[in-house]
Amino acid sequence: MTPGRRFLRASVVALALVSGCAGLEATPATGLAGVWEGRSAGAGGSAPVRLVVKDDGSYLGTLTSAGEERILRGAIVEISPGRLRWSGNQGDGSVTVVQREGRRVLRLQRDDGGGVMEISERAP
């Protein structure tokens, strides 16, 4: 098993455990596959972000800050109908999907209040 797959499995297990405490069962988020681009904002300022989300909800991407690229990896799971969570190497939190100007936008909000990422689905 590759390191990325191990990380994905660990992320899904961690989310399942957290959601299990609330009596919920986590499943991989579907329908989000594609390339997503936007910005991440937090205490350190704002930075461009690009994620590639796979069919199983796992993602891999980059955040560019001060000319340096940081790798982002993790997974988005559904813990109940319409309720999404993310967990990755940058933290974990809630996911909201909205329509804006005819495009889907993902808003990933950290649980610890450390920042928010808004990314739009890139047109094919």
PDB file of N, CA and C in Angstrom:
ATOM      1  N   MET A   1       0.849  -1.168   0.000  1.00  0.00           N
ATOM      2  CA  MET A   1       0.000   0.000   0.000  1.00  0.00           C
ATOM      3  C   MET A   1       0.900   1.239   0.000  1.00  0.00           C
ATOM      4  N   THR A   2       0.552   2.218  -0.841  1.00  0.00           N
ATOM      5  CA  THR A   2       1.360   3.425  -0.948  1.00  0.00           C
ATOM      6  C   THR A   2       1.121   4.335   0.261  1.00  0.00           C
ATOM      7  N   PRO A   3       2.054   5.252   0.535  1.00  0.00           N
ATOM      8  CA  PRO A   3       1.861   6.176   1.653  1.00  0.00           C
ATOM      9  C   PRO A   3       0.574   6.991   1.511  1.00  0.00           C
ATOM     10  N   GLY A   4       0.230   7.392   0.286  1.00  0.00           N
ATOM     11  CA  GLY A   4      -0.993   8.157   0.064  1.00  0.00           C
ATOM     12  C   GLY A   4      -2.234   7.357   0.422  1.00  0.00           C
ATOM     13  N   ARG A   5      -2.250   6.085   0.055  1.00  0.00           N
ATOM     14  CA  ARG A   5      -3.391   5.214   0.371  1.00  0.00           C
ATOM     15  C   ARG A   5      -3.493   4.987   1.877  1.00  0.00           C
ATOM     16  N   ARG A   6      -2.342   4.821   2.534  1.00  0.00           N
ATOM     17  CA  ARG A   6      -2.353   4.648   3.993  1.00  0.00           C
ATOM     18  C   ARG A   6      -2.928   5.891   4.661  1.00  0.00           C
ATOM     19  N   PHE A   7      -2.519   7.069   4.168  1.00  0.00           N
ATOM     20  CA  PHE A   7      -3.012   8.321   4.737  1.00  0.00           C
ATOM     21  C   PHE A   7      -4.515   8.440   4.519  1.00  0.00           C
ATOM     22  N   LEU A   8      -4.991   8.098   3.303  1.00  0.00           N
ATOM     23  CA  LEU A   8      -6.421   8.154   3.012  1.00  0.00           C
ATOM     24  C   LEU A   8      -7.184   7.226   3.943  1.00  0.00           C
ATOM     25  N   ARG A   9      -6.712   6.000   4.076  1.00  0.00           N
ATOM     26  CA  ARG A   9      -7.389   5.038   4.945  1.00  0.00           C
ATOM     27  C   ARG A   9      -7.418   5.558   6.389  1.00  0.00           C
ATOM     28  N   ALA A  10      -6.292   6.109   6.848  1.00  0.00           N
ATOM     29  CA  ALA A  10      -6.241   6.645   8.218  1.00  0.00           C
ATOM     30  C   ALA A  10      -7.203   7.819   8.371  1.00  0.00           C
ATOM     31  N   SER A  11      -7.305   8.677   7.348  1.00  0.00           N
ATOM     32  CA  SER A  11      -8.219   9.814   7.408  1.00  0.00           C
ATOM     33  C   SER A  11      -9.666   9.362   7.495  1.00  0.00           C
ATOM     34  N   VAL A  12     -10.025   8.389   6.662  1.00  0.00           N
ATOM     35  CA  VAL A  12     -11.399   7.891   6.668  1.00  0.00           C
ATOM     36  C   VAL A  12     -11.711   7.216   8.003  1.00  0.00           C
ATOM     37  N   VAL A  13     -10.753   6.442   8.517  1.00  0.00           N
ATOM     38  CA  VAL A  13     -10.957   5.787   9.812  1.00  0.00           C
ATOM     39  C   VAL A  13     -11.125   6.834  10.914  1.00  0.00           C
ATOM     40  N   ALA A  14     -10.287   7.865  10.906  1.00  0.00           N
ATOM     41  CA  ALA A  14     -10.389   8.917  11.923  1.00  0.00           C
ATOM     42  C   ALA A  14     -11.739   9.609  11.851  1.00  0.00           C
ATOM     43  N   LEU A  15     -12.194   9.925  10.642  1.00  0.00           N
ATOM     44  CA  LEU A  15     -13.501  10.559  10.509  1.00  0.00           C
ATOM     45  C   LEU A  15     -14.618   9.615  10.934  1.00  0.00           C
ATOM     46  N   ALA A  16     -14.469   8.348  10.631  1.00  0.00           N
ATOM     47  CA  ALA A  16     -15.484   7.373  11.035  1.00  0.00           C
ATOM     48  C   ALA A  16     -15.565   7.285  12.557  1.00  0.00           C
ATOM     49  N   LEU A  17     -14.410   7.332  13.203  1.00  0.00           N
ATOM     50  CA  LEU A  17     -14.407   7.280  14.664  1.00  0.00           C
ATOM     51  C   LEU A  17     -15.062   8.514  15.263  1.00  0.00           C
ATOM     52  N   VAL A  18     -14.727   9.682  14.725  1.00  0.00           N
ATOM     53  CA  VAL A  18     -15.321  10.917  15.229  1.00  0.00           C
ATOM     54  C   VAL A  18     -16.823  10.904  14.980  1.00  0.00           C
ATOM     55  N   SER A  19     -17.231  10.531  13.771  1.00  0.00           N
ATOM     56  CA  SER A  19     -18.661  10.522  13.476  1.00  0.00           C
ATOM     57  C   SER A  19     -19.357   9.397  14.224  1.00  0.00           C
ATOM     58  N   GLY A  20     -18.640   8.298  14.498  1.00  0.00           N
ATOM     59  CA  GLY A  20     -19.214   7.182  15.241  1.00  0.00           C
ATOM     60  C   GLY A  20     -19.598   7.585  16.640  1.00  0.00           C
ATOM     61  N   CYS A  21     -18.865   8.529  17.203  1.00  0.00           N
ATOM     62  CA  CYS A  21     -19.206   9.012  18.542  1.00  0.00           C
ATOM     63  C   CYS A  21     -20.572   9.677  18.541  1.00  0.00           C
ATOM     64  N   ALA A  22     -20.955  10.198  17.390  1.00  0.00           N
ATOM     65  CA  ALA A  22     -22.257  10.847  17.290  1.00  0.00           C
ATOM     66  C   ALA A  22     -23.304   9.896  16.716  1.00  0.00           C
ATOM     67  N   GLY A  23     -22.955   8.622  16.567  1.00  0.00           N
ATOM     68  CA  GLY A  23     -23.893   7.642  16.044  1.00  0.00           C
ATOM     69  C   GLY A  23     -24.035   7.689  14.535  1.00  0.00           C
ATOM     70  N   LEU A  24     -23.050   8.236  13.840  1.00  0.00           N
ATOM     71  CA  LEU A  24     -23.098   8.361  12.391  1.00  0.00           C
ATOM     72  C   LEU A  24     -22.064   7.456  11.751  1.00  0.00           C
ATOM     73  N   GLU A  25     -22.289   7.122  10.491  1.00  0.00           N
ATOM     74  CA  GLU A  25     -21.332   6.284   9.768  1.00  0.00           C
ATOM     75  C   GLU A  25     -20.789   7.066   8.578  1.00  0.00           C
ATOM     76  N   ALA A  26     -19.479   7.171   8.472  1.00  0.00           N
ATOM     77  CA  ALA A  26     -18.857   7.920   7.386  1.00  0.00           C
ATOM     78  C   ALA A  26     -18.689   7.044   6.160  1.00  0.00           C
ATOM     79  N   THR A  27     -18.967   7.628   4.991  1.00  0.00           N
ATOM     80  CA  THR A  27     -18.735   6.960   3.712  1.00  0.00           C
ATOM     81  C   THR A  27     -18.010   7.948   2.811  1.00  0.00           C
ATOM     82  N   PRO A  28     -17.236   7.450   1.834  1.00  0.00           N
ATOM     83  CA  PRO A  28     -16.549   8.380   0.940  1.00  0.00           C
ATOM     84  C   PRO A  28     -17.544   9.299   0.235  1.00  0.00           C
ATOM     85  N   ALA A  29     -17.202  10.564   0.133  1.00  0.00           N
ATOM     86  CA  ALA A  29     -18.048  11.518  -0.584  1.00  0.00           C
ATOM     87  C   ALA A  29     -17.958  11.226  -2.074  1.00  0.00           C
ATOM     88  N   THR A  30     -19.069  11.230  -2.746  1.00  0.00           N
ATOM     89  CA  THR A  30     -19.085  10.984  -4.180  1.00  0.00           C
ATOM     90  C   THR A  30     -19.595  12.231  -4.897  1.00  0.00           C
ATOM     91  N   GLY A  31     -19.332  12.305  -6.180  1.00  0.00           N
ATOM     92  CA  GLY A  31     -19.809  13.429  -6.976  1.00  0.00           C
ATOM     93  C   GLY A  31     -18.945  14.662  -6.903  1.00  0.00           C
ATOM     94  N   LEU A  32     -17.783  14.564  -6.276  1.00  0.00           N
ATOM     95  CA  LEU A  32     -16.897  15.726  -6.160  1.00  0.00           C
ATOM     96  C   LEU A  32     -15.630  15.581  -6.992  1.00  0.00           C
ATOM     97  N   ALA A  33     -15.505  14.497  -7.734  1.00  0.00           N
ATOM     98  CA  ALA A  33     -14.282  14.246  -8.504  1.00  0.00           C
ATOM     99  C   ALA A  33     -14.035  15.369  -9.507  1.00  0.00           C
ATOM    100  N   GLY A  34     -12.776  15.784  -9.574  1.00  0.00           N
ATOM    101  CA  GLY A  34     -12.398  16.818 -10.521  1.00  0.00           C
ATOM    102  C   GLY A  34     -11.316  17.711  -9.958  1.00  0.00           C
ATOM    103  N   VAL A  35     -11.047  18.766 -10.699  1.00  0.00           N
ATOM    104  CA  VAL A  35     -10.033  19.742 -10.302  1.00  0.00           C
ATOM    105  C   VAL A  35     -10.743  20.953  -9.710  1.00  0.00           C
ATOM    106  N   TRP A  36     -10.289  21.362  -8.537  1.00  0.00           N
ATOM    107  CA  TRP A  36     -10.866  22.484  -7.803  1.00  0.00           C
ATOM    108  C   TRP A  36      -9.770  23.504  -7.530  1.00  0.00           C
ATOM    109  N   GLU A  37     -10.073  24.783  -7.751  1.00  0.00           N
ATOM    110  CA  GLU A  37      -9.081  25.837  -7.542  1.00  0.00           C
ATOM    111  C   GLU A  37      -9.703  27.009  -6.802  1.00  0.00           C
ATOM    112  N   GLY A  38      -8.895  27.665  -5.985  1.00  0.00           N
ATOM    113  CA  GLY A  38      -9.385  28.822  -5.249  1.00  0.00           C
ATOM    114  C   GLY A  38      -8.350  29.341  -4.290  1.00  0.00           C
ATOM    115  N   ARG A  39      -8.816  29.745  -3.091  1.00  0.00           N
ATOM    116  CA  ARG A  39      -7.926  30.356  -2.115  1.00  0.00           C
ATOM    117  C   ARG A  39      -8.168  29.791  -0.737  1.00  0.00           C
ATOM    118  N   SER A  40      -7.119  29.813   0.055  1.00  0.00           N
ATOM    119  CA  SER A  40      -7.174  29.449   1.459  1.00  0.00           C
ATOM    120  C   SER A  40      -6.848  30.705   2.247  1.00  0.00           C
ATOM    121  N   ALA A  41      -7.622  30.963   3.296  1.00  0.00           N
ATOM    122  CA  ALA A  41      -7.384  32.148   4.115  1.00  0.00           C
ATOM    123  C   ALA A  41      -7.282  31.738   5.572  1.00  0.00           C
ATOM    124  N   GLY A  42      -6.304  32.308   6.254  1.00  0.00           N
ATOM    125  CA  GLY A  42      -6.105  32.029   7.669  1.00  0.00           C
ATOM    126  C   GLY A  42      -5.284  33.126   8.299  1.00  0.00           C
ATOM    127  N   ALA A  43      -4.743  32.860   9.471  1.00  0.00           N
ATOM    128  CA  ALA A  43      -3.950  33.848  10.203  1.00  0.00           C
ATOM    129  C   ALA A  43      -2.738  34.312   9.402  1.00  0.00           C
ATOM    130  N   GLY A  44      -2.195  33.426   8.559  1.00  0.00           N
ATOM    131  CA  GLY A  44      -1.009  33.764   7.768  1.00  0.00           C
ATOM    132  C   GLY A  44      -1.314  34.494   6.473  1.00  0.00           C
ATOM    133  N   GLY A  45      -2.584  34.807   6.228  1.00  0.00           N
ATOM    134  CA  GLY A  45      -2.963  35.493   5.000  1.00  0.00           C
ATOM    135  C   GLY A  45      -3.735  34.586   4.062  1.00  0.00           C
ATOM    136  N   SER A  46      -3.724  34.949   2.786  1.00  0.00           N
ATOM    137  CA  SER A  46      -4.472  34.231   1.761  1.00  0.00           C
ATOM    138  C   SER A  46      -3.491  33.610   0.772  1.00  0.00           C
ATOM    139  N   ALA A  47      -3.819  32.411   0.286  1.00  0.00           N
ATOM    140  CA  ALA A  47      -2.915  31.718  -0.630  1.00  0.00           C
ATOM    141  C   ALA A  47      -3.713  30.922  -1.661  1.00  0.00           C
ATOM    142  N   PRO A  48      -3.195  30.817  -2.896  1.00  0.00           N
ATOM    143  CA  PRO A  48      -3.876  30.008  -3.911  1.00  0.00           C
ATOM    144  C   PRO A  48      -3.788  28.517  -3.586  1.00  0.00           C
ATOM    145  N   VAL A  49      -4.872  27.806  -3.922  1.00  0.00           N
ATOM    146  CA  VAL A  49      -4.981  26.373  -3.651  1.00  0.00           C
ATOM    147  C   VAL A  49      -5.483  25.671  -4.903  1.00  0.00           C
ATOM    148  N   ARG A  50      -4.974  24.475  -5.117  1.00  0.00           N
ATOM    149  CA  ARG A  50      -5.460  23.613  -6.206  1.00  0.00           C
ATOM    150  C   ARG A  50      -5.556  22.200  -5.664  1.00  0.00           C
ATOM    151  N   LEU A  51      -6.759  21.586  -5.755  1.00  0.00           N
ATOM    152  CA  LEU A  51      -6.969  20.208  -5.313  1.00  0.00           C
ATOM    153  C   LEU A  51      -7.484  19.367  -6.468  1.00  0.00           C
ATOM    154  N   VAL A  52      -7.036  18.133  -6.525  1.00  0.00           N
ATOM    155  CA  VAL A  52      -7.601  17.141  -7.429  1.00  0.00           C
ATOM    156  C   VAL A  52      -8.298  16.123  -6.540  1.00  0.00           C
ATOM    157  N   VAL A  53      -9.627  16.052  -6.671  1.00  0.00           N
ATOM    158  CA  VAL A  53     -10.431  15.142  -5.866  1.00  0.00           C
ATOM    159  C   VAL A  53     -10.757  13.919  -6.718  1.00  0.00           C
ATOM    160  N   LYS A  54     -10.534  12.734  -6.155  1.00  0.00           N
ATOM    161  CA  LYS A  54     -10.831  11.480  -6.862  1.00  0.00           C
ATOM    162  C   LYS A  54     -12.259  11.033  -6.565  1.00  0.00           C
ATOM    163  N   ASP A  55     -12.716  10.032  -7.307  1.00  0.00           N
ATOM    164  CA  ASP A  55     -14.076   9.502  -7.143  1.00  0.00           C
ATOM    165  C   ASP A  55     -14.368   9.039  -5.722  1.00  0.00           C
ATOM    166  N   ASP A  56     -13.336   8.574  -5.012  1.00  0.00           N
ATOM    167  CA  ASP A  56     -13.544   8.052  -3.657  1.00  0.00           C
ATOM    168  C   ASP A  56     -13.479   9.134  -2.576  1.00  0.00           C
ATOM    169  N   GLY A  57     -13.379  10.403  -2.978  1.00  0.00           N
ATOM    170  CA  GLY A  57     -13.339  11.508  -2.023  1.00  0.00           C
ATOM    171  C   GLY A  57     -11.936  11.887  -1.571  1.00  0.00           C
ATOM    172  N   SER A  58     -10.935  11.083  -1.907  1.00  0.00           N
ATOM    173  CA  SER A  58      -9.564  11.441  -1.535  1.00  0.00           C
ATOM    174  C   SER A  58      -9.103  12.610  -2.404  1.00  0.00           C
ATOM    175  N   TYR A  59      -8.196  13.411  -1.849  1.00  0.00           N
ATOM    176  CA  TYR A  59      -7.691  14.537  -2.623  1.00  0.00           C
ATOM    177  C   TYR A  59      -6.189  14.692  -2.428  1.00  0.00           C
ATOM    178  N   LEU A  60      -5.585  15.329  -3.422  1.00  0.00           N
ATOM    179  CA  LEU A  60      -4.173  15.673  -3.409  1.00  0.00           C
ATOM    180  C   LEU A  60      -4.069  17.029  -4.074  1.00  0.00           C
ATOM    181  N   GLY A  61      -3.278  17.914  -3.506  1.00  0.00           N
ATOM    182  CA  GLY A  61      -3.172  19.235  -4.100  1.00  0.00           C
ATOM    183  C   GLY A  61      -2.022  20.030  -3.540  1.00  0.00           C
ATOM    184  N   THR A  62      -2.061  21.326  -3.851  1.00  0.00           N
ATOM    185  CA  THR A  62      -1.003  22.225  -3.393  1.00  0.00           C
ATOM    186  C   THR A  62      -1.598  23.531  -2.894  1.00  0.00           C
ATOM    187  N   LEU A  63      -0.903  24.117  -1.952  1.00  0.00           N
ATOM    188  CA  LEU A  63      -1.170  25.456  -1.445  1.00  0.00           C
ATOM    189  C   LEU A  63       0.139  26.210  -1.623  1.00  0.00           C
ATOM    190  N   THR A  64       0.091  27.356  -2.301  1.00  0.00           N
ATOM    191  CA  THR A  64       1.310  28.117  -2.566  1.00  0.00           C
ATOM    192  C   THR A  64       1.327  29.355  -1.688  1.00  0.00           C
ATOM    193  N   SER A  65       2.338  29.424  -0.807  1.00  0.00           N
ATOM    194  CA  SER A  65       2.463  30.548   0.113  1.00  0.00           C
ATOM    195  C   SER A  65       3.909  31.020   0.123  1.00  0.00           C
ATOM    196  N   ALA A  66       4.105  32.318  -0.026  1.00  0.00           N
ATOM    197  CA  ALA A  66       5.446  32.915  -0.035  1.00  0.00           C
ATOM    198  C   ALA A  66       6.353  32.218  -1.048  1.00  0.00           C
ATOM    199  N   GLY A  67       5.783  31.868  -2.209  1.00  0.00           N
ATOM    200  CA  GLY A  67       6.555  31.233  -3.264  1.00  0.00           C
ATOM    201  C   GLY A  67       6.873  29.772  -3.028  1.00  0.00           C
ATOM    202  N   GLU A  68       6.356  29.195  -1.965  1.00  0.00           N
ATOM    203  CA  GLU A  68       6.640  27.804  -1.620  1.00  0.00           C
ATOM    204  C   GLU A  68       5.361  26.971  -1.703  1.00  0.00           C
ATOM    205  N   GLU A  69       5.451  25.830  -2.396  1.00  0.00           N
ATOM    206  CA  GLU A  69       4.303  24.931  -2.505  1.00  0.00           C
ATOM    207  C   GLU A  69       4.286  23.933  -1.368  1.00  0.00           C
ATOM    208  N   ARG A  70       3.115  23.811  -0.735  1.00  0.00           N
ATOM    209  CA  ARG A  70       2.927  22.793   0.301  1.00  0.00           C
ATOM    210  C   ARG A  70       1.929  21.770  -0.230  1.00  0.00           C
ATOM    211  N   ILE A  71       2.195  20.506   0.025  1.00  0.00           N
ATOM    212  CA  ILE A  71       1.320  19.431  -0.415  1.00  0.00           C
ATOM    213  C   ILE A  71       0.127  19.313   0.531  1.00  0.00           C
ATOM    214  N   LEU A  72      -1.056  19.197  -0.049  1.00  0.00           N
ATOM    215  CA  LEU A  72      -2.284  18.958   0.698  1.00  0.00           C
ATOM    216  C   LEU A  72      -2.793  17.578   0.315  1.00  0.00           C
ATOM    217  N   ARG A  73      -3.129  16.753   1.304  1.00  0.00           N
ATOM    218  CA  ARG A  73      -3.721  15.444   1.009  1.00  0.00           C
ATOM    219  C   ARG A  73      -4.682  15.076   2.115  1.00  0.00           C
ATOM    220  N   GLY A  74      -5.710  14.335   1.732  1.00  0.00           N
ATOM    221  CA  GLY A  74      -6.704  13.920   2.711  1.00  0.00           C
ATOM    222  C   GLY A  74      -7.905  13.305   2.029  1.00  0.00           C
ATOM    223  N   ALA A  75      -9.047  13.416   2.680  1.00  0.00           N
ATOM    224  CA  ALA A  75     -10.279  12.828   2.158  1.00  0.00           C
ATOM    225  C   ALA A  75     -11.484  13.633   2.612  1.00  0.00           C
ATOM    226  N   ILE A  76     -12.502  13.627   1.769  1.00  0.00           N
ATOM    227  CA  ILE A  76     -13.794  14.212   2.097  1.00  0.00           C
ATOM    228  C   ILE A  76     -14.771  13.054   2.219  1.00  0.00           C
ATOM    229  N   VAL A  77     -15.495  13.003   3.323  1.00  0.00           N
ATOM    230  CA  VAL A  77     -16.459  11.918   3.542  1.00  0.00           C
ATOM    231  C   VAL A  77     -17.831  12.504   3.872  1.00  0.00           C
ATOM    232  N   GLU A  78     -18.853  11.673   3.649  1.00  0.00           N
ATOM    233  CA  GLU A  78     -20.220  12.042   3.989  1.00  0.00           C
ATOM    234  C   GLU A  78     -20.578  11.319   5.278  1.00  0.00           C
ATOM    235  N   ILE A  79     -20.956  12.075   6.312  1.00  0.00           N
ATOM    236  CA  ILE A  79     -21.268  11.435   7.590  1.00  0.00           C
ATOM    237  C   ILE A  79     -22.776  11.280   7.799  1.00  0.00           C
ATOM    238  N   SER A  80     -23.552  11.968   7.003  1.00  0.00           N
ATOM    239  CA  SER A  80     -24.998  11.780   6.932  1.00  0.00           C
ATOM    240  C   SER A  80     -25.426  12.452   5.627  1.00  0.00           C
ATOM    241  N   PRO A  81     -26.622  12.162   5.128  1.00  0.00           N
ATOM    242  CA  PRO A  81     -27.026  12.755   3.847  1.00  0.00           C
ATOM    243  C   PRO A  81     -26.862  14.277   3.830  1.00  0.00           C
ATOM    244  N   GLY A  82     -26.028  14.745   2.908  1.00  0.00           N
ATOM    245  CA  GLY A  82     -25.791  16.170   2.759  1.00  0.00           C
ATOM    246  C   GLY A  82     -24.816  16.780   3.746  1.00  0.00           C
ATOM    247  N   ARG A  83     -24.282  15.997   4.661  1.00  0.00           N
ATOM    248  CA  ARG A  83     -23.329  16.519   5.665  1.00  0.00           C
ATOM    249  C   ARG A  83     -21.950  15.945   5.383  1.00  0.00           C
ATOM    250  N   LEU A  84     -21.025  16.830   4.976  1.00  0.00           N
ATOM    251  CA  LEU A  84     -19.676  16.420   4.598  1.00  0.00           C
ATOM    252  C   LEU A  84     -18.648  16.907   5.598  1.00  0.00           C
ATOM    253  N   ARG A  85     -17.574  16.115   5.738  1.00  0.00           N
ATOM    254  CA  ARG A  85     -16.431  16.466   6.581  1.00  0.00           C
ATOM    255  C   ARG A  85     -15.164  16.199   5.775  1.00  0.00           C
ATOM    256  N   TRP A  86     -14.082  16.878   6.147  1.00  0.00           N
ATOM    257  CA  TRP A  86     -12.780  16.613   5.548  1.00  0.00           C
ATOM    258  C   TRP A  86     -11.766  16.371   6.653  1.00  0.00           C
ATOM    259  N   SER A  87     -10.760  15.593   6.308  1.00  0.00           N
ATOM    260  CA  SER A  87      -9.636  15.355   7.204  1.00  0.00           C
ATOM    261  C   SER A  87      -8.402  15.206   6.343  1.00  0.00           C
ATOM    262  N   GLY A  88      -7.344  15.907   6.730  1.00  0.00           N
ATOM    263  CA  GLY A  88      -6.131  15.850   5.931  1.00  0.00           C
ATOM    264  C   GLY A  88      -4.919  16.279   6.720  1.00  0.00           C
ATOM    265  N   ASN A  89      -3.816  16.412   6.009  1.00  0.00           N
ATOM    266  CA  ASN A  89      -2.564  16.769   6.665  1.00  0.00           C
ATOM    267  C   ASN A  89      -2.542  18.223   7.143  1.00  0.00           C
ATOM    268  N   GLN A  90      -3.585  19.003   6.842  1.00  0.00           N
ATOM    269  CA  GLN A  90      -3.670  20.388   7.298  1.00  0.00           C
ATOM    270  C   GLN A  90      -4.724  20.578   8.386  1.00  0.00           C
ATOM    271  N   GLY A  91      -5.338  19.473   8.840  1.00  0.00           N
ATOM    272  CA  GLY A  91      -6.375  19.575   9.871  1.00  0.00           C
ATOM    273  C   GLY A  91      -7.627  18.844   9.449  1.00  0.00           C
ATOM    274  N   ASP A  92      -8.759  19.247  10.036  1.00  0.00           N
ATOM    275  CA  ASP A  92     -10.037  18.655   9.656  1.00  0.00           C
ATOM    276  C   ASP A  92     -11.143  19.649   9.940  1.00  0.00           C
ATOM    277  N   GLY A  93     -12.321  19.375   9.352  1.00  0.00           N
ATOM    278  CA  GLY A  93     -13.428  20.290   9.545  1.00  0.00           C
ATOM    279  C   GLY A  93     -14.620  19.953   8.685  1.00  0.00           C
ATOM    280  N   SER A  94     -15.476  20.937   8.512  1.00  0.00           N
ATOM    281  CA  SER A  94     -16.717  20.748   7.761  1.00  0.00           C
ATOM    282  C   SER A  94     -16.541  21.170   6.300  1.00  0.00           C
ATOM    283  N   VAL A  95     -17.403  20.606   5.452  1.00  0.00           N
ATOM    284  CA  VAL A  95     -17.407  20.948   4.027  1.00  0.00           C
ATOM    285  C   VAL A  95     -18.821  21.363   3.649  1.00  0.00           C
ATOM    286  N   THR A  96     -18.924  22.498   2.977  1.00  0.00           N
ATOM    287  CA  THR A  96     -20.203  22.975   2.459  1.00  0.00           C
ATOM    288  C   THR A  96     -20.076  23.090   0.949  1.00  0.00           C
ATOM    289  N   VAL A  97     -21.090  22.612   0.221  1.00  0.00           N
ATOM    290  CA  VAL A  97     -21.114  22.730  -1.239  1.00  0.00           C
ATOM    291  C   VAL A  97     -22.220  23.707  -1.597  1.00  0.00           C
ATOM    292  N   VAL A  98     -21.855  24.760  -2.350  1.00  0.00           N
ATOM    293  CA  VAL A  98     -22.836  25.757  -2.779  1.00  0.00           C
ATOM    294  C   VAL A  98     -22.683  26.007  -4.279  1.00  0.00           C
ATOM    295  N   GLN A  99     -23.713  26.583  -4.875  1.00  0.00           N
ATOM    296  CA  GLN A  99     -23.663  27.024  -6.264  1.00  0.00           C
ATOM    297  C   GLN A  99     -23.404  28.519  -6.265  1.00  0.00           C
ATOM    298  N   ARG A 100     -22.436  28.946  -7.044  1.00  0.00           N
ATOM    299  CA  ARG A 100     -22.130  30.371  -7.150  1.00  0.00           C
ATOM    300  C   ARG A 100     -21.781  30.671  -8.604  1.00  0.00           C
ATOM    301  N   GLU A 101     -22.524  31.573  -9.206  1.00  0.00           N
ATOM    302  CA  GLU A 101     -22.287  31.972 -10.597  1.00  0.00           C
ATOM    303  C   GLU A 101     -22.254  30.755 -11.519  1.00  0.00           C
ATOM    304  N   GLY A 102     -23.156  29.814 -11.286  1.00  0.00           N
ATOM    305  CA  GLY A 102     -23.275  28.639 -12.147  1.00  0.00           C
ATOM    306  C   GLY A 102     -22.231  27.565 -11.921  1.00  0.00           C
ATOM    307  N   ARG A 103     -21.416  27.707 -10.891  1.00  0.00           N
ATOM    308  CA  ARG A 103     -20.373  26.716 -10.594  1.00  0.00           C
ATOM    309  C   ARG A 103     -20.500  26.249  -9.154  1.00  0.00           C
ATOM    310  N   ARG A 104     -20.093  24.992  -8.933  1.00  0.00           N
ATOM    311  CA  ARG A 104     -20.068  24.485  -7.559  1.00  0.00           C
ATOM    312  C   ARG A 104     -18.838  25.024  -6.846  1.00  0.00           C
ATOM    313  N   VAL A 105     -19.023  25.361  -5.593  1.00  0.00           N
ATOM    314  CA  VAL A 105     -17.942  25.869  -4.744  1.00  0.00           C
ATOM    315  C   VAL A 105     -17.908  25.031  -3.474  1.00  0.00           C
ATOM    316  N   LEU A 106     -16.710  24.544  -3.128  1.00  0.00           N
ATOM    317  CA  LEU A 106     -16.514  23.845  -1.860  1.00  0.00           C
ATOM    318  C   LEU A 106     -15.937  24.833  -0.861  1.00  0.00           C
ATOM    319  N   ARG A 107     -16.528  24.845   0.336  1.00  0.00           N
ATOM    320  CA  ARG A 107     -16.004  25.668   1.430  1.00  0.00           C
ATOM    321  C   ARG A 107     -15.581  24.705   2.527  1.00  0.00           C
ATOM    322  N   LEU A 108     -14.277  24.620   2.767  1.00  0.00           N
ATOM    323  CA  LEU A 108     -13.722  23.747   3.796  1.00  0.00           C
ATOM    324  C   LEU A 108     -13.327  24.614   4.983  1.00  0.00           C
ATOM    325  N   GLN A 109     -14.040  24.456   6.086  1.00  0.00           N
ATOM    326  CA  GLN A 109     -13.816  25.250   7.294  1.00  0.00           C
ATOM    327  C   GLN A 109     -13.146  24.386   8.354  1.00  0.00           C
ATOM    328  N   ARG A 110     -12.008  24.817   8.848  1.00  0.00           N
ATOM    329  CA  ARG A 110     -11.310  24.067   9.903  1.00  0.00           C
ATOM    330  C   ARG A 110     -12.098  24.109  11.204  1.00  0.00           C
ATOM    331  N   ASP A 111     -12.119  22.984  11.921  1.00  0.00           N
ATOM    332  CA  ASP A 111     -12.808  22.911  13.211  1.00  0.00           C
ATOM    333  C   ASP A 111     -12.180  23.825  14.258  1.00  0.00           C
ATOM    334  N   ASP A 112     -10.859  24.001  14.176  1.00  0.00           N
ATOM    335  CA  ASP A 112     -10.174  24.803  15.189  1.00  0.00           C
ATOM    336  C   ASP A 112     -10.216  26.297  14.893  1.00  0.00           C
ATOM    337  N   GLY A 113     -10.959  26.696  13.851  1.00  0.00           N
ATOM    338  CA  GLY A 113     -11.064  28.105  13.500  1.00  0.00           C
ATOM    339  C   GLY A 113      -9.831  28.649  12.813  1.00  0.00           C
ATOM    340  N   GLY A 114      -8.893  27.764  12.459  1.00  0.00           N
ATOM    341  CA  GLY A 114      -7.619  28.175  11.887  1.00  0.00           C
ATOM    342  C   GLY A 114      -7.654  28.639  10.450  1.00  0.00           C
ATOM    343  N   GLY A 115      -8.767  28.566   9.784  1.00  0.00           N
ATOM    344  CA  GLY A 115      -8.814  29.042   8.412  1.00  0.00           C
ATOM    345  C   GLY A 115      -9.946  28.414   7.623  1.00  0.00           C
ATOM    346  N   VAL A 116     -10.103  28.930   6.425  1.00  0.00           N
ATOM    347  CA  VAL A 116     -11.138  28.437   5.523  1.00  0.00           C
ATOM    348  C   VAL A 116     -10.575  28.398   4.105  1.00  0.00           C
ATOM    349  N   MET A 117     -11.015  27.415   3.344  1.00  0.00           N
ATOM    350  CA  MET A 117     -10.609  27.276   1.959  1.00  0.00           C
ATOM    351  C   MET A 117     -11.876  27.315   1.102  1.00  0.00           C
ATOM    352  N   GLU A 118     -11.897  28.156   0.073  1.00  0.00           N
ATOM    353  CA  GLU A 118     -13.000  28.170  -0.885  1.00  0.00           C
ATOM    354  C   GLU A 118     -12.415  27.866  -2.239  1.00  0.00           C
ATOM    355  N   ILE A 119     -12.919  26.783  -2.845  1.00  0.00           N
ATOM    356  CA  ILE A 119     -12.413  26.351  -4.141  1.00  0.00           C
ATOM    357  C   ILE A 119     -13.571  26.068  -5.074  1.00  0.00           C
ATOM    358  N   SER A 120     -13.418  26.477  -6.328  1.00  0.00           N
ATOM    359  CA  SER A 120     -14.446  26.272  -7.348  1.00  0.00           C
ATOM    360  C   SER A 120     -14.043  25.140  -8.265  1.00  0.00           C
ATOM    361  N   GLU A 121     -15.055  24.433  -8.736  1.00  0.00           N
ATOM    362  CA  GLU A 121     -14.827  23.366  -9.696  1.00  0.00           C
ATOM    363  C   GLU A 121     -14.356  24.001 -10.999  1.00  0.00           C
ATOM    364  N   ARG A 122     -13.234  23.517 -11.491  1.00  0.00           N
ATOM    365  CA  ARG A 122     -12.700  24.050 -12.743  1.00  0.00           C
ATOM    366  C   ARG A 122     -13.505  23.521 -13.909  1.00  0.00           C
ATOM    367  N   ALA A 123     -13.836  24.402 -14.828  1.00  0.00           N
ATOM    368  CA  ALA A 123     -14.603  23.985 -16.001  1.00  0.00           C
ATOM    369  C   ALA A 123     -13.774  23.001 -16.835  1.00  0.00           C
ATOM    370  N   PRO A 124     -14.447  21.978 -17.396  1.00  0.00           N
ATOM    371  CA  PRO A 124     -13.704  20.980 -18.195  1.00  0.00           C
ATOM    372  C   PRO A 124     -13.083  21.561 -19.433  1.00  0.00           C
TER     373      PRO A 124
END
